Amino acid sequence: MSSRRKFINNSLVSLLGLSLSNSILQNNLFAKEVTSQKKIKISLQCFSFASELLYGKMSILNFPKLVRNEFYLDAAEYWNIPFVSKIRDKKFIQYFNQRTNDYGLKNTLMLVDLINLKTGSSLSLCSKDKKERGVAIEKHKEWLDFSKSIGCSSIRVNLWSNNMTMDEVTKYSIESLSTLLEYSEKIDMSIVIENHGGYTADAFWLVKLIKSINHKKLGVLPDFGSNNFCIEKPAKKEGELLNTNDCINQFDKYLGVKELLPFAKGISAKSISFDKSGAEENTDFERMIKLIKSYSFEGYIAIEYEGGFMNTIQKNSYDYLSNIEGVHATKKLIEKFI
């Protein structure tokens, strides 16, 4: 299970105070204005501010201003959870579009998580339950419509599965995605699958799935995260908020990104923590971006900083950067290598 899913499942946990690491807050961590005209561009995923968005400390309406005025970026990615209550609100959609237009932003992609925040349960496109799959398809159609209405060109879907064989997940995924693609093509929207743990963490399996469906509107969203490439972990201990067990079936993230790149319609630059020199401690950004450039990728690399929300749910001594600081640090690191 990915760190995002764990976080959402525990979203009712009391917010802990955010703390800063004075030993890391050096000038070399902070990014300056972007004026890049390169083929690889940088966008910002609003999940970087999940800890603030979920607990009412930030409105999604303020995100466009933050993207432009704080980080000097011109493209934004979104997460559906802050929009759940507004999905059918035409006045909100009109106002939100005005906000993004005012700041000259291009809206690119919507992460869709069909999770009940009260129960932690989720709907899956590859559930064994045919009725659940049908509901998941219809819910995704709604998010395709909403995402289209705010200018996005694609949505990210999950293929979460529990206690299912690979063949079962493959069969139900092909059925659900094929149905959903019939709808998305009619409204000129793409669907991307993220390596999000489980079978999707196996890049070979995911590529085989994409090839089996063979649709121009279907692609992938490679994510740098180590948990994203974890195929299997032991069950978490009773009372634990996060599964702190080591991955017992880890797919090599660099090989994974390499395999997924030919089908990528975007890239998620996951970051969590940084050393004093500004290097991300979980992913070799230089190696990863060099790999991406070698495949002549053209499009957006989205900053997705997760250290800020780790501060809200992990009771340990590690002081992660705040959301603002972590995004700046990630942005500077990407700029350094593209």
Protein backbone atom coordinates (compact mmCIF):
# COMPACT_ATOMS: atom_id res chain seq x y z
CA MET A 1 0.00 0.00 0.00
CA SER A 2 1.44 3.41 -0.96
CA SER A 3 2.27 6.11 1.57
CA ARG A 4 -0.51 8.26 0.08
CA ARG A 5 -3.12 5.59 0.69
CA LYS A 6 -1.90 5.03 4.23
CA PHE A 7 -2.10 8.74 4.86
CA ILE A 8 -5.65 9.05 3.56
CA ASN A 9 -6.76 6.02 5.53
CA ASN A 10 -5.53 7.75 8.69
CA SER A 11 -6.66 11.26 7.78
CA LEU A 12 -8.65 11.65 10.98
CA VAL A 13 -5.54 11.44 13.12
CA SER A 14 -4.93 14.67 15.06
CA LEU A 15 -2.60 17.07 13.33
CA LEU A 16 0.84 17.18 14.90
CA GLY A 17 2.91 20.35 14.97
CA LEU A 18 5.16 20.87 11.96
CA SER A 19 8.81 21.29 12.80
CA LEU A 20 11.83 22.41 10.86
CA SER A 21 15.31 21.00 10.65
CA ASN A 22 17.73 23.87 11.15
CA SER A 23 20.60 21.66 10.08
CA ILE A 24 19.07 21.27 6.61
CA LEU A 25 17.76 24.79 5.98
CA GLN A 26 20.68 25.96 3.89
CA ASN A 27 20.48 28.36 0.96
CA ASN A 28 21.42 25.64 -1.49
CA LEU A 29 18.08 23.94 -0.86
CA PHE A 30 15.92 26.73 -2.19
CA ALA A 31 14.94 27.21 -5.81
CA LYS A 32 14.88 30.45 -7.71
CA GLU A 33 12.59 31.61 -10.50
CA VAL A 34 12.16 29.23 -13.42
CA THR A 35 12.64 30.62 -16.91
CA SER A 36 13.31 27.27 -18.57
CA GLN A 37 12.19 26.72 -22.12
CA LYS A 38 13.36 23.11 -22.07
CA LYS A 39 11.27 20.25 -23.40
CA ILE A 40 11.08 18.83 -19.90
CA LYS A 41 9.06 21.24 -17.78
CA ILE A 42 8.25 21.36 -14.08
CA SER A 43 4.78 21.35 -12.54
CA LEU A 44 3.56 21.13 -8.96
CA GLN A 45 1.28 18.42 -7.59
CA CYS A 46 -1.07 19.76 -4.91
CA PHE A 47 -0.63 16.58 -2.86
CA SER A 48 2.59 18.27 -1.72
CA PHE A 49 0.24 20.24 0.55
CA ALA A 50 -2.00 17.33 1.54
CA SER A 51 -1.43 17.86 5.27
CA GLU A 52 -2.78 21.41 4.97
CA LEU A 53 -5.55 20.69 2.47
CA LEU A 54 -7.03 17.82 4.48
CA TYR A 55 -7.01 19.64 7.80
CA GLY A 56 -8.47 22.94 6.61
CA LYS A 57 -5.24 24.88 6.88
CA MET A 58 -5.24 25.67 3.16
CA SER A 59 -7.94 26.09 0.53
CA ILE A 60 -7.47 24.53 -2.89
CA LEU A 61 -8.47 27.94 -4.25
CA ASN A 62 -5.17 29.30 -2.96
CA PHE A 63 -3.10 26.68 -4.75
CA PRO A 64 -2.88 28.47 -8.15
CA LYS A 65 -1.45 31.58 -6.50
CA LEU A 66 1.07 29.47 -4.61
CA VAL A 67 2.20 27.70 -7.77
CA ARG A 68 2.86 30.95 -9.59
CA ASN A 69 3.92 33.44 -6.93
CA GLU A 70 5.84 31.22 -4.51
CA PHE A 71 7.41 28.72 -6.92
CA TYR A 72 7.34 30.59 -10.25
CA LEU A 73 5.84 27.65 -12.08
CA ASP A 74 3.25 27.73 -14.84
CA ALA A 75 1.66 24.27 -14.56
CA ALA A 76 -0.27 22.46 -11.85
CA GLU A 77 -1.41 18.93 -11.06
CA TYR A 78 -4.28 18.17 -8.72
CA TRP A 79 -5.65 15.57 -6.32
CA ASN A 80 -9.37 14.87 -6.30
CA ILE A 81 -9.92 14.75 -2.53
CA PRO A 82 -9.99 18.57 -1.99
CA PHE A 83 -12.59 18.80 -4.79
CA VAL A 84 -14.97 16.06 -3.59
CA SER A 85 -17.65 18.45 -2.35
CA LYS A 86 -17.35 20.64 -5.46
CA ILE A 87 -17.50 18.05 -8.23
CA ARG A 88 -20.97 19.21 -9.37
CA ASP A 89 -20.65 22.88 -8.37
CA LYS A 90 -20.65 24.81 -11.64
CA LYS A 91 -20.07 28.14 -9.91
CA PHE A 92 -17.01 26.76 -8.14
CA ILE A 93 -15.64 25.35 -11.39
CA GLN A 94 -16.09 28.70 -13.08
CA TYR A 95 -14.39 30.53 -10.20
CA PHE A 96 -11.55 28.00 -10.02
CA ASN A 97 -10.91 28.34 -13.74
CA GLN A 98 -10.78 32.10 -13.30
CA ARG A 99 -8.21 31.67 -10.54
CA THR A 100 -5.95 29.47 -12.67
CA ASN A 101 -6.37 31.80 -15.65
CA ASP A 102 -5.50 34.82 -13.52
CA TYR A 103 -2.18 33.21 -12.66
CA GLY A 104 -1.53 31.91 -16.17
CA LEU A 105 -1.47 28.25 -15.18
CA LYS A 106 -1.86 25.15 -17.30
CA ASN A 107 -3.76 22.44 -15.44
CA THR A 108 -2.42 19.05 -16.51
CA LEU A 109 -3.55 16.03 -14.48
CA MET A 110 -5.85 14.90 -11.67
CA LEU A 111 -4.90 12.13 -9.22
CA VAL A 112 -8.08 10.18 -8.47
CA ASP A 113 -8.36 8.25 -5.20
CA LEU A 114 -11.79 6.73 -4.56
CA ILE A 115 -11.40 6.58 -0.80
CA ASN A 116 -13.96 7.04 1.94
CA LEU A 117 -12.20 9.25 4.46
CA LYS A 118 -14.43 8.09 7.31
CA THR A 119 -13.96 4.35 6.83
CA GLY A 120 -10.69 4.18 4.90
CA SER A 121 -12.29 1.84 2.36
CA SER A 122 -11.69 2.34 -1.34
CA LEU A 123 -13.37 1.43 -4.61
CA SER A 124 -11.22 -0.43 -7.10
CA LEU A 125 -11.41 -0.82 -10.86
CA CYS A 126 -10.08 -4.36 -10.47
CA SER A 127 -12.18 -5.53 -7.54
CA LYS A 128 -13.44 -9.11 -7.56
CA ASP A 129 -16.89 -7.63 -6.97
CA LYS A 130 -18.46 -6.80 -10.35
CA LYS A 131 -20.84 -4.28 -8.76
CA GLU A 132 -17.95 -2.45 -7.10
CA ARG A 133 -16.06 -2.32 -10.40
CA GLY A 134 -19.13 -0.81 -12.05
CA VAL A 135 -19.44 1.86 -9.38
CA ALA A 136 -15.71 2.62 -9.66
CA ILE A 137 -16.02 3.06 -13.42
CA GLU A 138 -18.93 5.51 -13.04
CA LYS A 139 -17.10 7.47 -10.32
CA HIS A 140 -14.06 7.75 -12.56
CA LYS A 141 -16.26 9.04 -15.37
CA GLU A 142 -17.41 11.83 -13.06
CA TRP A 143 -13.81 12.74 -12.31
CA LEU A 144 -12.97 12.66 -16.01
CA ASP A 145 -15.73 15.22 -16.58
CA PHE A 146 -14.65 17.40 -13.68
CA SER A 147 -10.97 17.25 -14.63
CA LYS A 148 -11.85 18.18 -18.19
CA SER A 149 -13.88 21.13 -16.92
CA ILE A 150 -10.85 22.64 -15.17
CA GLY A 151 -8.54 22.12 -18.13
CA CYS A 152 -6.75 18.89 -17.24
CA SER A 153 -5.91 16.48 -20.05
CA SER A 154 -5.73 13.28 -18.00
CA ILE A 155 -6.60 11.53 -14.76
CA ARG A 156 -4.51 9.05 -12.80
CA VAL A 157 -6.25 5.85 -11.71
CA ASN A 158 -5.27 3.16 -9.21
CA LEU A 159 -5.43 -0.59 -9.63
CA TRP A 160 -5.55 -1.52 -5.95
CA SER A 161 -6.01 -5.18 -5.14
CA ASN A 162 -6.03 -7.33 -2.04
CA ASN A 163 -5.76 -11.13 -1.95
CA MET A 164 -6.04 -11.44 -5.71
CA THR A 165 -3.93 -13.33 -8.21
CA MET A 166 -2.05 -11.54 -10.94
CA ASP A 167 -4.31 -13.11 -13.56
CA GLU A 168 -7.42 -11.85 -11.76
CA VAL A 169 -6.08 -8.32 -11.48
CA THR A 170 -5.06 -8.37 -15.14
CA LYS A 171 -8.45 -9.62 -16.32
CA TYR A 172 -10.53 -7.14 -14.33
CA SER A 173 -8.18 -4.25 -15.06
CA ILE A 174 -8.44 -4.81 -18.81
CA GLU A 175 -12.24 -4.99 -18.61
CA SER A 176 -12.64 -1.84 -16.50
CA LEU A 177 -10.02 0.24 -18.27
CA SER A 178 -11.37 -0.66 -21.71
CA THR A 179 -14.83 0.51 -20.66
CA LEU A 180 -13.47 3.69 -19.13
CA LEU A 181 -11.34 4.43 -22.19
CA GLU A 182 -14.41 4.30 -24.43
CA TYR A 183 -15.75 7.22 -22.41
CA SER A 184 -12.49 9.15 -22.01
CA GLU A 185 -11.80 9.07 -25.74
CA LYS A 186 -15.17 10.68 -26.46
CA ILE A 187 -14.23 13.69 -24.36
CA ASP A 188 -10.55 13.71 -25.41
CA MET A 189 -9.16 12.76 -22.01
CA SER A 190 -6.31 10.37 -21.22
CA ILE A 191 -6.02 7.83 -18.41
CA VAL A 192 -2.70 7.10 -16.75
CA ILE A 193 -1.81 4.31 -14.33
CA GLU A 194 0.68 5.05 -11.58
CA ASN A 195 3.06 2.49 -10.14
CA HIS A 196 1.36 2.55 -6.77
CA GLY A 197 2.44 -0.60 -5.03
CA GLY A 198 1.16 -4.13 -5.48
CA TYR A 199 1.17 -5.51 -9.01
CA THR A 200 1.50 -2.00 -10.48
CA ALA A 201 4.92 -1.80 -8.80
CA ASP A 202 6.07 -4.51 -11.19
CA ALA A 203 6.95 -2.44 -14.26
CA PHE A 204 7.05 -5.52 -16.48
CA TRP A 205 3.48 -6.40 -15.51
CA LEU A 206 2.29 -2.82 -15.98
CA VAL A 207 3.89 -2.51 -19.42
CA LYS A 208 2.31 -5.82 -20.45
CA LEU A 209 -1.09 -4.51 -19.31
CA ILE A 210 -0.67 -1.28 -21.30
CA LYS A 211 0.32 -3.22 -24.40
CA SER A 212 -2.59 -5.64 -24.00
CA ILE A 213 -5.10 -2.78 -24.01
CA ASN A 214 -3.19 -0.86 -26.68
CA HIS A 215 -5.11 2.42 -26.56
CA LYS A 216 -3.73 5.84 -27.49
CA LYS A 217 -5.45 7.44 -24.51
CA LEU A 218 -3.85 5.07 -21.99
CA GLY A 219 -0.44 5.62 -20.47
CA VAL A 220 1.51 5.55 -17.23
CA LEU A 221 2.66 8.00 -14.58
CA PRO A 222 6.07 6.80 -13.32
CA ASP A 223 6.63 7.77 -9.69
CA PHE A 224 10.12 7.88 -8.11
CA GLY A 225 8.90 6.63 -4.74
CA SER A 226 10.44 3.48 -3.27
CA ASN A 227 7.07 2.48 -1.78
CA ASN A 228 5.54 2.96 -5.22
CA PHE A 229 7.82 0.22 -6.50
CA CYS A 230 7.19 -2.11 -3.54
CA ILE A 231 5.30 -5.16 -4.74
CA GLU A 232 4.83 -6.69 -1.30
CA LYS A 233 5.26 -5.85 2.40
CA PRO A 234 4.42 -7.88 5.50
CA ALA A 235 1.23 -6.75 7.23
CA LYS A 236 1.70 -3.77 9.52
CA LYS A 237 1.79 -4.31 13.26
CA GLU A 238 -1.34 -3.80 15.31
CA GLY A 239 -1.71 -0.16 16.34
CA GLU A 240 0.73 1.16 13.74
CA LEU A 241 -0.43 4.07 11.61
CA LEU A 242 2.11 3.32 8.91
CA ASN A 243 3.49 0.05 7.67
CA THR A 244 7.09 0.43 8.80
CA ASN A 245 8.08 -3.05 7.69
CA ASP A 246 10.74 -3.36 5.05
CA CYS A 247 9.59 -4.24 1.56
CA ILE A 248 10.02 -7.95 0.92
CA ASN A 249 9.58 -7.72 -2.86
CA GLN A 250 11.09 -4.47 -4.11
CA PHE A 251 11.21 -3.67 -7.81
CA ASP A 252 14.26 -1.64 -8.79
CA LYS A 253 12.97 1.91 -9.21
CA TYR A 254 15.50 2.90 -11.88
CA LEU A 255 14.72 -0.17 -13.95
CA GLY A 256 11.04 0.49 -13.33
CA VAL A 257 11.13 4.04 -14.60
CA LYS A 258 13.20 2.93 -17.59
CA GLU A 259 10.58 0.35 -18.55
CA LEU A 260 7.67 2.75 -18.05
CA LEU A 261 9.11 5.77 -19.84
CA PRO A 262 8.02 4.82 -23.37
CA PHE A 263 4.40 4.93 -22.14
CA ALA A 264 4.69 7.95 -19.82
CA LYS A 265 2.27 10.85 -20.14
CA GLY A 266 3.79 12.55 -17.11
CA ILE A 267 6.28 11.88 -14.30
CA SER A 268 5.96 12.23 -10.54
CA ALA A 269 9.16 13.37 -8.85
CA LYS A 270 8.55 12.01 -5.35
CA SER A 271 10.68 13.53 -2.60
CA ILE A 272 10.64 13.04 1.17
CA SER A 273 13.89 14.07 2.84
CA PHE A 274 17.13 15.82 1.95
CA ASP A 275 20.68 15.84 3.22
CA LYS A 276 22.69 18.98 3.98
CA SER A 277 23.94 19.22 0.40
CA GLY A 278 20.39 19.32 -0.96
CA ALA A 279 20.38 15.75 -2.31
CA GLU A 280 17.18 13.73 -1.87
CA GLU A 281 17.96 10.83 0.45
CA ASN A 282 15.70 8.20 -1.11
CA THR A 283 16.25 8.71 -4.86
CA ASP A 284 19.31 9.63 -6.90
CA PHE A 285 17.72 12.53 -8.81
CA GLU A 286 20.73 12.96 -11.06
CA ARG A 287 20.55 9.34 -12.18
CA MET A 288 16.77 9.40 -12.54
CA ILE A 289 16.62 12.61 -14.58
CA LYS A 290 19.54 11.52 -16.75
CA LEU A 291 17.53 8.37 -17.49
CA ILE A 292 14.44 10.41 -18.35
CA LYS A 293 16.40 12.70 -20.66
CA SER A 294 17.96 9.71 -22.42
CA TYR A 295 14.47 8.68 -23.54
CA SER A 296 13.78 12.14 -24.98
CA PHE A 297 10.80 12.56 -22.68
CA GLU A 298 8.82 15.71 -23.42
CA GLY A 299 6.31 16.90 -20.86
CA TYR A 300 5.99 17.70 -17.19
CA ILE A 301 7.86 16.37 -14.21
CA ALA A 302 5.60 17.11 -11.26
CA ILE A 303 7.03 17.93 -7.85
CA GLU A 304 5.39 15.71 -5.24
CA TYR A 305 6.90 16.39 -1.84
CA GLU A 306 5.68 14.09 0.95
CA GLY A 307 7.92 15.04 3.86
CA GLY A 308 5.46 17.63 5.13
CA PHE A 309 2.65 15.17 5.64
CA MET A 310 5.06 12.65 7.17
CA ASN A 311 5.45 15.22 9.94
CA THR A 312 1.73 14.99 10.65
CA ILE A 313 1.48 11.23 11.06
CA GLN A 314 4.88 9.89 12.14
CA LYS A 315 5.83 10.20 15.77
CA ASN A 316 9.57 10.01 15.44
CA SER A 317 12.55 12.28 15.88
CA TYR A 318 13.09 13.04 12.18
CA ASP A 319 12.31 16.63 11.27
CA TYR A 320 11.18 16.84 7.68
CA LEU A 321 11.10 20.12 5.82
CA SER A 322 7.81 21.98 5.73
CA ASN A 323 5.70 21.75 2.59
CA ILE A 324 6.95 25.08 1.22
CA GLU A 325 10.58 24.28 1.94
CA GLY A 326 10.35 20.75 0.60
CA VAL A 327 8.84 21.89 -2.69
CA HIS A 328 11.57 24.52 -3.08
CA ALA A 329 14.23 21.90 -2.39
CA THR A 330 12.76 19.46 -4.90
CA LYS A 331 12.38 22.15 -7.54
CA LYS A 332 15.99 23.22 -7.23
CA LEU A 333 17.16 19.63 -7.47
CA ILE A 334 15.19 19.01 -10.66
CA GLU A 335 16.41 22.27 -12.20
CA LYS A 336 19.96 21.26 -11.45
CA PHE A 337 19.79 18.23 -13.74
CA ILE A 338 17.32 19.05 -16.53
